[in-house]
Amino acid sequence: MRRGIFQAIADSTRRAIIAPIALQPMTSNAIAEHFETTRPAVSKHLRILTECVLVHQQHQGWEIYYALEIDKWLEQFCSI
């Protein structure tokens, strides 16, 4: 079952993850460097954000870059 956008952003860590990837696509390792948590924990948050279509993955060779879907992020505020 796909999670809702509000359910995804209810978590403060997921909201904080959105900030750096809004500026530029980043790998999960690069994102994890911004937090005092494990890489698997960051990956779990990224999976949830991806399920909600707030974040999309870009495969570049062996690396996976995560980027914010700006339209989906802004859509949540317009539908209130």
PDB file of N, CA and C in Angstrom:
ATOM      1  N   MET A   1       0.843  -1.183   0.000  1.00  0.00           N
ATOM      2  CA  MET A   1       0.000   0.000   0.000  1.00  0.00           C
ATOM      3  C   MET A   1       0.886   1.244   0.000  1.00  0.00           C
ATOM      4  N   ARG A   2       0.556   2.174  -0.844  1.00  0.00           N
ATOM      5  CA  ARG A   2       1.334   3.405  -0.934  1.00  0.00           C
ATOM      6  C   ARG A   2       0.968   4.351   0.201  1.00  0.00           C
ATOM      7  N   ARG A   3       1.980   4.960   0.781  1.00  0.00           N
ATOM      8  CA  ARG A   3       1.770   5.903   1.874  1.00  0.00           C
ATOM      9  C   ARG A   3       1.335   7.252   1.322  1.00  0.00           C
ATOM     10  N   GLY A   4       0.654   8.015   2.171  1.00  0.00           N
ATOM     11  CA  GLY A   4       0.258   9.353   1.798  1.00  0.00           C
ATOM     12  C   GLY A   4       1.397  10.333   2.006  1.00  0.00           C
ATOM     13  N   ILE A   5       1.325  11.439   1.297  1.00  0.00           N
ATOM     14  CA  ILE A   5       2.374  12.453   1.391  1.00  0.00           C
ATOM     15  C   ILE A   5       2.461  13.017   2.802  1.00  0.00           C
ATOM     16  N   PHE A   6       1.313  13.279   3.423  1.00  0.00           N
ATOM     17  CA  PHE A   6       1.349  13.849   4.768  1.00  0.00           C
ATOM     18  C   PHE A   6       1.920  12.866   5.773  1.00  0.00           C
ATOM     19  N   GLN A   7       1.654  11.589   5.586  1.00  0.00           N
ATOM     20  CA  GLN A   7       2.223  10.570   6.456  1.00  0.00           C
ATOM     21  C   GLN A   7       3.748  10.561   6.306  1.00  0.00           C
ATOM     22  N   ALA A   8       4.223  10.733   5.096  1.00  0.00           N
ATOM     23  CA  ALA A   8       5.664  10.730   4.847  1.00  0.00           C
ATOM     24  C   ALA A   8       6.355  11.923   5.488  1.00  0.00           C
ATOM     25  N   ILE A   9       5.757  13.097   5.372  1.00  0.00           N
ATOM     26  CA  ILE A   9       6.430  14.287   5.899  1.00  0.00           C
ATOM     27  C   ILE A   9       6.126  14.531   7.370  1.00  0.00           C
ATOM     28  N   ALA A  10       5.340  13.657   7.982  1.00  0.00           N
ATOM     29  CA  ALA A  10       5.063  13.793   9.417  1.00  0.00           C
ATOM     30  C   ALA A  10       6.326  13.559  10.235  1.00  0.00           C
ATOM     31  N   ASP A  11       7.260  12.824   9.694  1.00  0.00           N
ATOM     32  CA  ASP A  11       8.509  12.522  10.400  1.00  0.00           C
ATOM     33  C   ASP A  11       9.524  13.642  10.168  1.00  0.00           C
ATOM     34  N   SER A  12      10.098  14.142  11.230  1.00  0.00           N
ATOM     35  CA  SER A  12      11.029  15.280  11.122  1.00  0.00           C
ATOM     36  C   SER A  12      12.298  14.913  10.347  1.00  0.00           C
ATOM     37  N   THR A  13      12.753  13.680  10.452  1.00  0.00           N
ATOM     38  CA  THR A  13      13.948  13.268   9.710  1.00  0.00           C
ATOM     39  C   THR A  13      13.680  13.285   8.214  1.00  0.00           C
ATOM     40  N   ARG A  14      12.513  12.808   7.811  1.00  0.00           N
ATOM     41  CA  ARG A  14      12.187  12.826   6.382  1.00  0.00           C
ATOM     42  C   ARG A  14      12.072  14.258   5.862  1.00  0.00           C
ATOM     43  N   ARG A  15      11.506  15.144   6.678  1.00  0.00           N
ATOM     44  CA  ARG A  15      11.451  16.556   6.259  1.00  0.00           C
ATOM     45  C   ARG A  15      12.849  17.124   6.121  1.00  0.00           C
ATOM     46  N   ALA A  16      13.735  16.729   7.019  1.00  0.00           N
ATOM     47  CA  ALA A  16      15.117  17.221   6.959  1.00  0.00           C
ATOM     48  C   ALA A  16      15.862  16.641   5.760  1.00  0.00           C
ATOM     49  N   ILE A  17      15.538  15.422   5.359  1.00  0.00           N
ATOM     50  CA  ILE A  17      16.169  14.811   4.188  1.00  0.00           C
ATOM     51  C   ILE A  17      15.782  15.558   2.919  1.00  0.00           C
ATOM     52  N   ILE A  18      14.590  16.078   2.885  1.00  0.00           N
ATOM     53  CA  ILE A  18      14.105  16.777   1.698  1.00  0.00           C
ATOM     54  C   ILE A  18      14.938  18.036   1.413  1.00  0.00           C
ATOM     55  N   ALA A  19      15.396  18.718   2.445  1.00  0.00           N
ATOM     56  CA  ALA A  19      16.117  19.990   2.263  1.00  0.00           C
ATOM     57  C   ALA A  19      17.357  19.864   1.376  1.00  0.00           C
ATOM     58  N   PRO A  20      18.308  18.982   1.661  1.00  0.00           N
ATOM     59  CA  PRO A  20      19.501  18.948   0.798  1.00  0.00           C
ATOM     60  C   PRO A  20      19.229  18.433  -0.612  1.00  0.00           C
ATOM     61  N   ILE A  21      18.277  17.491  -0.762  1.00  0.00           N
ATOM     62  CA  ILE A  21      18.027  16.980  -2.111  1.00  0.00           C
ATOM     63  C   ILE A  21      17.157  17.926  -2.930  1.00  0.00           C
ATOM     64  N   ALA A  22      16.595  18.931  -2.281  1.00  0.00           N
ATOM     65  CA  ALA A  22      15.869  19.962  -3.025  1.00  0.00           C
ATOM     66  C   ALA A  22      16.855  20.831  -3.805  1.00  0.00           C
ATOM     67  N   LEU A  23      18.069  20.935  -3.304  1.00  0.00           N
ATOM     68  CA  LEU A  23      19.095  21.750  -3.955  1.00  0.00           C
ATOM     69  C   LEU A  23      19.780  21.016  -5.093  1.00  0.00           C
ATOM     70  N   GLN A  24      20.037  19.708  -4.883  1.00  0.00           N
ATOM     71  CA  GLN A  24      20.703  18.911  -5.909  1.00  0.00           C
ATOM     72  C   GLN A  24      20.504  17.434  -5.608  1.00  0.00           C
ATOM     73  N   PRO A  25      20.470  16.591  -6.639  1.00  0.00           N
ATOM     74  CA  PRO A  25      20.373  15.148  -6.393  1.00  0.00           C
ATOM     75  C   PRO A  25      21.591  14.662  -5.607  1.00  0.00           C
ATOM     76  N   MET A  26      21.348  13.732  -4.696  1.00  0.00           N
ATOM     77  CA  MET A  26      22.416  13.212  -3.851  1.00  0.00           C
ATOM     78  C   MET A  26      22.263  11.706  -3.674  1.00  0.00           C
ATOM     79  N   THR A  27      23.380  11.027  -3.402  1.00  0.00           N
ATOM     80  CA  THR A  27      23.327   9.605  -3.083  1.00  0.00           C
ATOM     81  C   THR A  27      22.903   9.446  -1.626  1.00  0.00           C
ATOM     82  N   SER A  28      22.493   8.244  -1.259  1.00  0.00           N
ATOM     83  CA  SER A  28      22.093   8.013   0.128  1.00  0.00           C
ATOM     84  C   SER A  28      23.277   8.200   1.077  1.00  0.00           C
ATOM     85  N   ASN A  29      24.485   7.863   0.633  1.00  0.00           N
ATOM     86  CA  ASN A  29      25.666   8.079   1.475  1.00  0.00           C
ATOM     87  C   ASN A  29      25.893   9.565   1.730  1.00  0.00           C
ATOM     88  N   ALA A  30      25.747  10.375   0.697  1.00  0.00           N
ATOM     89  CA  ALA A  30      25.931  11.821   0.846  1.00  0.00           C
ATOM     90  C   ALA A  30      24.857  12.410   1.754  1.00  0.00           C
ATOM     91  N   ILE A  31      23.647  11.906   1.633  1.00  0.00           N
ATOM     92  CA  ILE A  31      22.558  12.381   2.502  1.00  0.00           C
ATOM     93  C   ILE A  31      22.833  11.979   3.944  1.00  0.00           C
ATOM     94  N   ALA A  32      23.273  10.747   4.153  1.00  0.00           N
ATOM     95  CA  ALA A  32      23.531  10.236   5.504  1.00  0.00           C
ATOM     96  C   ALA A  32      24.597  11.052   6.232  1.00  0.00           C
ATOM     97  N   GLU A  33      25.523  11.664   5.490  1.00  0.00           N
ATOM     98  CA  GLU A  33      26.562  12.490   6.101  1.00  0.00           C
ATOM     99  C   GLU A  33      25.987  13.709   6.817  1.00  0.00           C
ATOM    100  N   HIS A  34      24.786  14.131   6.454  1.00  0.00           N
ATOM    101  CA  HIS A  34      24.142  15.289   7.070  1.00  0.00           C
ATOM    102  C   HIS A  34      23.441  14.946   8.381  1.00  0.00           C
ATOM    103  N   PHE A  35      23.375  13.661   8.725  1.00  0.00           N
ATOM    104  CA  PHE A  35      22.605  13.228   9.888  1.00  0.00           C
ATOM    105  C   PHE A  35      23.432  12.337  10.793  1.00  0.00           C
ATOM    106  N   GLU A  36      23.073  12.339  12.054  1.00  0.00           N
ATOM    107  CA  GLU A  36      23.724  11.448  13.012  1.00  0.00           C
ATOM    108  C   GLU A  36      22.887  10.177  13.136  1.00  0.00           C
ATOM    109  N   THR A  37      22.787   9.460  12.033  1.00  0.00           N
ATOM    110  CA  THR A  37      22.042   8.218  11.979  1.00  0.00           C
ATOM    111  C   THR A  37      22.744   7.289  11.004  1.00  0.00           C
ATOM    112  N   THR A  38      22.312   6.067  10.947  1.00  0.00           N
ATOM    113  CA  THR A  38      22.960   5.099  10.068  1.00  0.00           C
ATOM    114  C   THR A  38      22.481   5.257   8.635  1.00  0.00           C
ATOM    115  N   ARG A  39      23.284   4.755   7.711  1.00  0.00           N
ATOM    116  CA  ARG A  39      22.898   4.787   6.305  1.00  0.00           C
ATOM    117  C   ARG A  39      21.635   3.957   6.064  1.00  0.00           C
ATOM    118  N   PRO A  40      21.503   2.762   6.688  1.00  0.00           N
ATOM    119  CA  PRO A  40      20.250   2.015   6.498  1.00  0.00           C
ATOM    120  C   PRO A  40      19.011   2.787   6.969  1.00  0.00           C
ATOM    121  N   ALA A  41      19.149   3.574   8.027  1.00  0.00           N
ATOM    122  CA  ALA A  41      18.013   4.372   8.500  1.00  0.00           C
ATOM    123  C   ALA A  41      17.650   5.440   7.472  1.00  0.00           C
ATOM    124  N   VAL A  42      18.654   6.067   6.890  1.00  0.00           N
ATOM    125  CA  VAL A  42      18.408   7.069   5.852  1.00  0.00           C
ATOM    126  C   VAL A  42      17.773   6.403   4.632  1.00  0.00           C
ATOM    127  N   SER A  43      18.251   5.212   4.287  1.00  0.00           N
ATOM    128  CA  SER A  43      17.683   4.482   3.152  1.00  0.00           C
ATOM    129  C   SER A  43      16.218   4.154   3.378  1.00  0.00           C
ATOM    130  N   LYS A  44      15.860   3.820   4.605  1.00  0.00           N
ATOM    131  CA  LYS A  44      14.457   3.530   4.927  1.00  0.00           C
ATOM    132  C   LYS A  44      13.602   4.782   4.710  1.00  0.00           C
ATOM    133  N   HIS A  45      14.088   5.916   5.177  1.00  0.00           N
ATOM    134  CA  HIS A  45      13.352   7.170   4.988  1.00  0.00           C
ATOM    135  C   HIS A  45      13.233   7.514   3.504  1.00  0.00           C
ATOM    136  N   LEU A  46      14.308   7.287   2.748  1.00  0.00           N
ATOM    137  CA  LEU A  46      14.274   7.558   1.309  1.00  0.00           C
ATOM    138  C   LEU A  46      13.282   6.631   0.601  1.00  0.00           C
ATOM    139  N   ARG A  47      13.199   5.389   1.045  1.00  0.00           N
ATOM    140  CA  ARG A  47      12.241   4.450   0.448  1.00  0.00           C
ATOM    141  C   ARG A  47      10.817   4.942   0.666  1.00  0.00           C
ATOM    142  N   ILE A  48      10.530   5.436   1.860  1.00  0.00           N
ATOM    143  CA  ILE A  48       9.188   5.954   2.159  1.00  0.00           C
ATOM    144  C   ILE A  48       8.893   7.186   1.311  1.00  0.00           C
ATOM    145  N   LEU A  49       9.853   8.088   1.199  1.00  0.00           N
ATOM    146  CA  LEU A  49       9.662   9.285   0.376  1.00  0.00           C
ATOM    147  C   LEU A  49       9.496   8.931  -1.094  1.00  0.00           C
ATOM    148  N   THR A  50      10.173   7.874  -1.536  1.00  0.00           N
ATOM    149  CA  THR A  50      10.040   7.414  -2.914  1.00  0.00           C
ATOM    150  C   THR A  50       8.669   6.796  -3.150  1.00  0.00           C
ATOM    151  N   GLU A  51       8.178   6.021  -2.174  1.00  0.00           N
ATOM    152  CA  GLU A  51       6.849   5.415  -2.276  1.00  0.00           C
ATOM    153  C   GLU A  51       5.765   6.481  -2.445  1.00  0.00           C
ATOM    154  N   CYS A  52       5.972   7.620  -1.827  1.00  0.00           N
ATOM    155  CA  CYS A  52       4.990   8.711  -1.896  1.00  0.00           C
ATOM    156  C   CYS A  52       5.188   9.591  -3.117  1.00  0.00           C
ATOM    157  N   VAL A  53       6.157   9.277  -3.911  1.00  0.00           N
ATOM    158  CA  VAL A  53       6.489  10.005  -5.129  1.00  0.00           C
ATOM    159  C   VAL A  53       6.952  11.436  -4.823  1.00  0.00           C
ATOM    160  N   LEU A  54       7.456  11.655  -3.631  1.00  0.00           N
ATOM    161  CA  LEU A  54       8.060  12.958  -3.309  1.00  0.00           C
ATOM    162  C   LEU A  54       9.507  13.004  -3.777  1.00  0.00           C
ATOM    163  N   VAL A  55      10.111  11.836  -3.864  1.00  0.00           N
ATOM    164  CA  VAL A  55      11.511  11.710  -4.259  1.00  0.00           C
ATOM    165  C   VAL A  55      11.583  10.685  -5.379  1.00  0.00           C
ATOM    166  N   HIS A  56      12.447  10.936  -6.350  1.00  0.00           N
ATOM    167  CA  HIS A  56      12.656   9.925  -7.386  1.00  0.00           C
ATOM    168  C   HIS A  56      14.132   9.563  -7.453  1.00  0.00           C
ATOM    169  N   GLN A  57      14.371   8.377  -7.978  1.00  0.00           N
ATOM    170  CA  GLN A  57      15.729   7.857  -8.090  1.00  0.00           C
ATOM    171  C   GLN A  57      16.248   8.048  -9.502  1.00  0.00           C
ATOM    172  N   GLN A  58      17.519   8.415  -9.599  1.00  0.00           N
ATOM    173  CA  GLN A  58      18.200   8.539 -10.885  1.00  0.00           C
ATOM    174  C   GLN A  58      19.414   7.619 -10.824  1.00  0.00           C
ATOM    175  N   HIS A  59      19.433   6.603 -11.659  1.00  0.00           N
ATOM    176  CA  HIS A  59      20.556   5.671 -11.681  1.00  0.00           C
ATOM    177  C   HIS A  59      21.649   6.222 -12.593  1.00  0.00           C
ATOM    178  N   GLN A  60      22.845   6.333 -12.022  1.00  0.00           N
ATOM    179  CA  GLN A  60      24.012   6.778 -12.796  1.00  0.00           C
ATOM    180  C   GLN A  60      25.143   5.805 -12.497  1.00  0.00           C
ATOM    181  N   GLY A  61      25.317   4.834 -13.381  1.00  0.00           N
ATOM    182  CA  GLY A  61      26.314   3.793 -13.142  1.00  0.00           C
ATOM    183  C   GLY A  61      25.899   2.966 -11.931  1.00  0.00           C
ATOM    184  N   TRP A  62      26.795   2.806 -10.983  1.00  0.00           N
ATOM    185  CA  TRP A  62      26.518   2.049  -9.756  1.00  0.00           C
ATOM    186  C   TRP A  62      25.804   2.890  -8.716  1.00  0.00           C
ATOM    187  N   GLU A  63      25.771   4.167  -8.909  1.00  0.00           N
ATOM    188  CA  GLU A  63      25.206   5.090  -7.925  1.00  0.00           C
ATOM    189  C   GLU A  63      23.721   5.341  -8.183  1.00  0.00           C
ATOM    190  N   ILE A  64      23.004   5.554  -7.106  1.00  0.00           N
ATOM    191  CA  ILE A  64      21.605   5.964  -7.201  1.00  0.00           C
ATOM    192  C   ILE A  64      21.505   7.340  -6.554  1.00  0.00           C
ATOM    193  N   TYR A  65      21.060   8.304  -7.325  1.00  0.00           N
ATOM    194  CA  TYR A  65      20.884   9.658  -6.825  1.00  0.00           C
ATOM    195  C   TYR A  65      19.405   9.883  -6.537  1.00  0.00           C
ATOM    196  N   TYR A  66      19.146  10.569  -5.443  1.00  0.00           N
ATOM    197  CA  TYR A  66      17.775  10.887  -5.046  1.00  0.00           C
ATOM    198  C   TYR A  66      17.547  12.373  -5.254  1.00  0.00           C
ATOM    199  N   ALA A  67      16.401  12.704  -5.843  1.00  0.00           N
ATOM    200  CA  ALA A  67      16.066  14.103  -6.116  1.00  0.00           C
ATOM    201  C   ALA A  67      14.613  14.351  -5.725  1.00  0.00           C
ATOM    202  N   LEU A  68      14.336  15.558  -5.325  1.00  0.00           N
ATOM    203  CA  LEU A  68      12.990  15.942  -4.916  1.00  0.00           C
ATOM    204  C   LEU A  68      12.110  16.157  -6.130  1.00  0.00           C
ATOM    205  N   GLU A  69      10.896  15.649  -6.060  1.00  0.00           N
ATOM    206  CA  GLU A  69       9.881  15.906  -7.085  1.00  0.00           C
ATOM    207  C   GLU A  69       9.164  17.189  -6.649  1.00  0.00           C
ATOM    208  N   ILE A  70       9.627  18.317  -7.138  1.00  0.00           N
ATOM    209  CA  ILE A  70       9.125  19.616  -6.701  1.00  0.00           C
ATOM    210  C   ILE A  70       7.610  19.727  -6.846  1.00  0.00           C
ATOM    211  N   ASP A  71       7.072  19.276  -7.961  1.00  0.00           N
ATOM    212  CA  ASP A  71       5.630  19.384  -8.195  1.00  0.00           C
ATOM    213  C   ASP A  71       4.835  18.656  -7.113  1.00  0.00           C
ATOM    214  N   LYS A  72       5.274  17.447  -6.760  1.00  0.00           N
ATOM    215  CA  LYS A  72       4.565  16.668  -5.737  1.00  0.00           C
ATOM    216  C   LYS A  72       4.709  17.322  -4.371  1.00  0.00           C
ATOM    217  N   TRP A  73       5.869  17.888  -4.092  1.00  0.00           N
ATOM    218  CA  TRP A  73       6.112  18.547  -2.812  1.00  0.00           C
ATOM    219  C   TRP A  73       5.174  19.751  -2.659  1.00  0.00           C
ATOM    220  N   LEU A  74       5.056  20.562  -3.699  1.00  0.00           N
ATOM    221  CA  LEU A  74       4.224  21.756  -3.655  1.00  0.00           C
ATOM    222  C   LEU A  74       2.727  21.414  -3.708  1.00  0.00           C
ATOM    223  N   GLU A  75       2.392  20.322  -4.371  1.00  0.00           N
ATOM    224  CA  GLU A  75       0.994  19.917  -4.525  1.00  0.00           C
ATOM    225  C   GLU A  75       0.301  19.709  -3.183  1.00  0.00           C
ATOM    226  N   GLN A  76       1.055  19.233  -2.185  1.00  0.00           N
ATOM    227  CA  GLN A  76       0.462  18.995  -0.880  1.00  0.00           C
ATOM    228  C   GLN A  76      -0.063  20.289  -0.248  1.00  0.00           C
ATOM    229  N   PHE A  77       0.568  21.402  -0.548  1.00  0.00           N
ATOM    230  CA  PHE A  77       0.147  22.672   0.031  1.00  0.00           C
ATOM    231  C   PHE A  77      -1.022  23.287  -0.739  1.00  0.00           C
ATOM    232  N   CYS A  78      -1.124  22.956  -2.005  1.00  0.00           N
ATOM    233  CA  CYS A  78      -2.211  23.491  -2.832  1.00  0.00           C
ATOM    234  C   CYS A  78      -3.530  22.764  -2.624  1.00  0.00           C
ATOM    235  N   SER A  79      -3.466  21.527  -2.136  1.00  0.00           N
ATOM    236  CA  SER A  79      -4.689  20.732  -1.985  1.00  0.00           C
ATOM    237  C   SER A  79      -5.314  20.844  -0.604  1.00  0.00           C
ATOM    238  N   ILE A  80      -4.803  21.735   0.214  1.00  0.00           N
ATOM    239  CA  ILE A  80      -5.353  21.906   1.579  1.00  0.00           C
ATOM    240  C   ILE A  80      -6.650  22.664   1.529  1.00  0.00           C
TER     241      ILE A  80
END
